[in-house]
Amino acid sequence: MSGTLSRAQRCAAFAEMAIRAFEGLEDWYDEHPDASFGEIEAQARRVRRGLMGEGLGLLINGRDEGFQLEAPRCPKCGQAMRFEGYRSWGVSGLEGDTRLMRAYYTCRHCSGVTFFPPGSEAEAAEGSLE
């Protein structure tokens, strides 16, 4: 995905993802009609993890991919940095895995100076794991 979406667009996209996830669970159950409750629950957890990973990506990428109208300044030389496009990286969490997209900037004057906003490093979740 590239570009921001309104809250309504993000909600609609998530609703479509949830419907696809539930339909996938329905299809699995059709193929495993004798599955125990525990087996159905295990499959539902796998489906939920995929849905949550997709949903988290939609929530984060759909709000802000880090592009700035005014180019950030190089922390080394102070010159305006050049927008080089978007880069993605994978993030794994307790609730799911996703790919985050962020604007990527380089300094044409300073070799190796880059800027990858916002939150280029994953932060550990605080609080309860439940």
C-alpha atoms as a PDB file:
ATOM      1  CA  MET A   1       0.000   0.000   0.000  1.00  0.00           C
ATOM      2  CA  SER A   2       1.183   3.516  -0.624  1.00  0.00           C
ATOM      3  CA  GLY A   3      -0.485   6.627   0.694  1.00  0.00           C
ATOM      4  CA  THR A   4      -2.712   7.440   3.590  1.00  0.00           C
ATOM      5  CA  LEU A   5      -6.306   6.311   3.922  1.00  0.00           C
ATOM      6  CA  SER A   6      -9.165   7.845   5.855  1.00  0.00           C
ATOM      7  CA  ARG A   7     -10.417   6.127   8.992  1.00  0.00           C
ATOM      8  CA  ALA A   8     -13.507   4.993   7.058  1.00  0.00           C
ATOM      9  CA  GLN A   9     -11.340   3.515   4.290  1.00  0.00           C
ATOM     10  CA  ARG A  10      -9.153   1.689   6.833  1.00  0.00           C
ATOM     11  CA  CYS A  11     -12.268   0.336   8.606  1.00  0.00           C
ATOM     12  CA  ALA A  12     -13.781  -0.857   5.329  1.00  0.00           C
ATOM     13  CA  ALA A  13     -10.521  -2.519   4.292  1.00  0.00           C
ATOM     14  CA  PHE A  14     -10.246  -4.263   7.677  1.00  0.00           C
ATOM     15  CA  ALA A  15     -13.870  -5.434   7.438  1.00  0.00           C
ATOM     16  CA  GLU A  16     -13.081  -6.996   4.039  1.00  0.00           C
ATOM     17  CA  MET A  17     -10.022  -8.711   5.546  1.00  0.00           C
ATOM     18  CA  ALA A  18     -12.117 -10.050   8.433  1.00  0.00           C
ATOM     19  CA  ILE A  19     -14.742 -11.415   6.046  1.00  0.00           C
ATOM     20  CA  ARG A  20     -12.041 -13.176   3.988  1.00  0.00           C
ATOM     21  CA  ALA A  21     -10.515 -14.603   7.188  1.00  0.00           C
ATOM     22  CA  PHE A  22     -13.878 -15.930   8.395  1.00  0.00           C
ATOM     23  CA  GLU A  23     -14.676 -17.381   4.971  1.00  0.00           C
ATOM     24  CA  GLY A  24     -11.285 -19.107   5.031  1.00  0.00           C
ATOM     25  CA  LEU A  25     -12.108 -20.571   8.424  1.00  0.00           C
ATOM     26  CA  GLU A  26     -15.493 -21.707   7.090  1.00  0.00           C
ATOM     27  CA  ASP A  27     -13.747 -23.380   4.112  1.00  0.00           C
ATOM     28  CA  TRP A  28     -11.293 -25.117   6.442  1.00  0.00           C
ATOM     29  CA  TYR A  29     -14.161 -26.395   8.590  1.00  0.00           C
ATOM     30  CA  ASP A  30     -15.953 -27.675   5.454  1.00  0.00           C
ATOM     31  CA  GLU A  31     -12.814 -29.675   4.672  1.00  0.00           C
ATOM     32  CA  HIS A  32     -12.515 -30.921   8.283  1.00  0.00           C
ATOM     33  CA  PRO A  33     -16.119 -31.596   9.372  1.00  0.00           C
ATOM     34  CA  ASP A  34     -15.043 -33.974  12.138  1.00  0.00           C
ATOM     35  CA  ALA A  35     -12.549 -31.513  13.662  1.00  0.00           C
ATOM     36  CA  SER A  36     -12.640 -31.228  17.413  1.00  0.00           C
ATOM     37  CA  PHE A  37     -13.249 -27.925  19.142  1.00  0.00           C
ATOM     38  CA  GLY A  38      -9.522 -27.772  19.938  1.00  0.00           C
ATOM     39  CA  GLU A  39      -8.580 -28.283  16.285  1.00  0.00           C
ATOM     40  CA  ILE A  40     -11.026 -25.606  15.160  1.00  0.00           C
ATOM     41  CA  GLU A  41      -9.672 -23.265  17.821  1.00  0.00           C
ATOM     42  CA  ALA A  42      -6.076 -23.916  16.705  1.00  0.00           C
ATOM     43  CA  GLN A  43      -7.010 -23.118  13.100  1.00  0.00           C
ATOM     44  CA  ALA A  44      -8.880 -20.004  14.231  1.00  0.00           C
ATOM     45  CA  ARG A  45      -5.736 -18.824  16.050  1.00  0.00           C
ATOM     46  CA  ARG A  46      -3.683 -19.178  12.854  1.00  0.00           C
ATOM     47  CA  VAL A  47      -6.337 -17.273  10.902  1.00  0.00           C
ATOM     48  CA  ARG A  48      -6.571 -14.583  13.605  1.00  0.00           C
ATOM     49  CA  ARG A  49      -2.792 -14.112  13.619  1.00  0.00           C
ATOM     50  CA  GLY A  50      -2.836 -13.517   9.860  1.00  0.00           C
ATOM     51  CA  LEU A  51      -5.770 -11.130  10.143  1.00  0.00           C
ATOM     52  CA  MET A  52      -4.166  -9.178  12.954  1.00  0.00           C
ATOM     53  CA  GLY A  53      -0.865  -8.893  11.078  1.00  0.00           C
ATOM     54  CA  GLU A  54      -2.677  -7.552   8.025  1.00  0.00           C
ATOM     55  CA  GLY A  55      -4.791  -5.268  10.199  1.00  0.00           C
ATOM     56  CA  LEU A  56      -1.802  -3.821  12.021  1.00  0.00           C
ATOM     57  CA  GLY A  57      -0.100  -3.127   8.690  1.00  0.00           C
ATOM     58  CA  LEU A  58      -3.248  -1.405   7.440  1.00  0.00           C
ATOM     59  CA  LEU A  59      -3.572   0.654  10.626  1.00  0.00           C
ATOM     60  CA  ILE A  60       0.046   1.822  10.603  1.00  0.00           C
ATOM     61  CA  ASN A  61       0.748   2.165   6.875  1.00  0.00           C
ATOM     62  CA  GLY A  62      -2.710   3.580   6.187  1.00  0.00           C
ATOM     63  CA  ARG A  63      -2.090   6.514   8.523  1.00  0.00           C
ATOM     64  CA  ASP A  64       1.469   7.598   7.769  1.00  0.00           C
ATOM     65  CA  GLU A  65       4.342   6.216   5.745  1.00  0.00           C
ATOM     66  CA  GLY A  66       6.740   8.926   6.861  1.00  0.00           C
ATOM     67  CA  PHE A  67       6.781  11.123   3.743  1.00  0.00           C
ATOM     68  CA  GLN A  68       7.511  14.764   4.602  1.00  0.00           C
ATOM     69  CA  LEU A  69       6.667  17.681   2.301  1.00  0.00           C
ATOM     70  CA  GLU A  70       9.703  19.516   3.601  1.00  0.00           C
ATOM     71  CA  ALA A  71      12.691  17.223   3.301  1.00  0.00           C
ATOM     72  CA  PRO A  72      14.403  16.374   6.580  1.00  0.00           C
ATOM     73  CA  ARG A  73      17.842  17.856   7.172  1.00  0.00           C
ATOM     74  CA  CYS A  74      20.940  15.696   7.251  1.00  0.00           C
ATOM     75  CA  PRO A  75      22.107  15.388  10.857  1.00  0.00           C
ATOM     76  CA  LYS A  76      25.732  15.469   9.654  1.00  0.00           C
ATOM     77  CA  CYS A  77      25.863  18.423   7.211  1.00  0.00           C
ATOM     78  CA  GLY A  78      22.470  20.115   7.638  1.00  0.00           C
ATOM     79  CA  GLN A  79      21.550  19.947   3.914  1.00  0.00           C
ATOM     80  CA  ALA A  80      18.103  18.872   2.739  1.00  0.00           C
ATOM     81  CA  MET A  81      17.962  15.140   2.178  1.00  0.00           C
ATOM     82  CA  ARG A  82      16.579  13.540  -0.996  1.00  0.00           C
ATOM     83  CA  PHE A  83      13.466  11.348  -1.008  1.00  0.00           C
ATOM     84  CA  GLU A  84      14.433   7.971  -2.502  1.00  0.00           C
ATOM     85  CA  GLY A  85      11.055   6.241  -2.414  1.00  0.00           C
ATOM     86  CA  TYR A  86       9.532   3.844   0.065  1.00  0.00           C
ATOM     87  CA  ARG A  87      11.199   0.897   1.746  1.00  0.00           C
ATOM     88  CA  SER A  88       9.570  -1.878   3.678  1.00  0.00           C
ATOM     89  CA  TRP A  89      10.635  -4.166   6.447  1.00  0.00           C
ATOM     90  CA  GLY A  90       9.031  -7.076   8.205  1.00  0.00           C
ATOM     91  CA  VAL A  91       7.861  -6.810  11.783  1.00  0.00           C
ATOM     92  CA  SER A  92       6.876  -9.777  13.953  1.00  0.00           C
ATOM     93  CA  GLY A  93       4.745  -9.328  17.033  1.00  0.00           C
ATOM     94  CA  LEU A  94       2.665 -11.357  19.432  1.00  0.00           C
ATOM     95  CA  GLU A  95      -0.518 -10.714  17.463  1.00  0.00           C
ATOM     96  CA  GLY A  96       0.840 -11.101  13.954  1.00  0.00           C
ATOM     97  CA  ASP A  97       3.466 -10.371  11.347  1.00  0.00           C
ATOM     98  CA  THR A  98       3.321  -7.527   8.845  1.00  0.00           C
ATOM     99  CA  ARG A  99       5.381  -5.346   6.524  1.00  0.00           C
ATOM    100  CA  LEU A 100       5.729  -1.668   7.338  1.00  0.00           C
ATOM    101  CA  MET A 101       6.409   0.921   4.640  1.00  0.00           C
ATOM    102  CA  ARG A 102       8.396   4.061   5.339  1.00  0.00           C
ATOM    103  CA  ALA A 103       9.689   6.959   3.286  1.00  0.00           C
ATOM    104  CA  TYR A 104      13.437   6.671   2.753  1.00  0.00           C
ATOM    105  CA  TYR A 105      15.758   9.680   2.466  1.00  0.00           C
ATOM    106  CA  THR A 106      19.476   9.981   1.706  1.00  0.00           C
ATOM    107  CA  CYS A 107      21.955  12.825   1.846  1.00  0.00           C
ATOM    108  CA  ARG A 108      23.607  13.414  -1.506  1.00  0.00           C
ATOM    109  CA  HIS A 109      26.495  15.191   0.231  1.00  0.00           C
ATOM    110  CA  CYS A 110      27.303  12.726   3.011  1.00  0.00           C
ATOM    111  CA  SER A 111      27.997   9.133   2.090  1.00  0.00           C
ATOM    112  CA  GLY A 112      25.940   6.648   4.044  1.00  0.00           C
ATOM    113  CA  VAL A 113      23.636   9.108   5.833  1.00  0.00           C
ATOM    114  CA  THR A 114      20.025   7.960   5.586  1.00  0.00           C
ATOM    115  CA  PHE A 115      16.724   8.770   7.277  1.00  0.00           C
ATOM    116  CA  PHE A 116      13.870   6.268   7.653  1.00  0.00           C
ATOM    117  CA  PRO A 117      10.953   7.931   9.559  1.00  0.00           C
ATOM    118  CA  PRO A 118       9.006   7.433  11.758  1.00  0.00           C
ATOM    119  CA  GLY A 119      10.000   4.717  14.177  1.00  0.00           C
ATOM    120  CA  SER A 120      12.733   3.045  12.171  1.00  0.00           C
ATOM    121  CA  GLU A 121      13.426   0.741  15.091  1.00  0.00           C
ATOM    122  CA  ALA A 122      10.819  -1.515  16.600  1.00  0.00           C
ATOM    123  CA  GLU A 123      10.096  -0.816  20.242  1.00  0.00           C
ATOM    124  CA  ALA A 124       9.315  -3.586  22.715  1.00  0.00           C
ATOM    125  CA  ALA A 125       5.725  -3.683  23.851  1.00  0.00           C
ATOM    126  CA  GLU A 126       5.224  -2.509  27.396  1.00  0.00           C
ATOM    127  CA  GLY A 127       2.807  -3.906  29.904  1.00  0.00           C
ATOM    128  CA  SER A 128       1.016  -7.210  30.046  1.00  0.00           C
ATOM    129  CA  LEU A 129       1.448  -9.826  27.358  1.00  0.00           C
ATOM    130  CA  GLU A 130      -2.179 -10.899  27.807  1.00  0.00           C
END
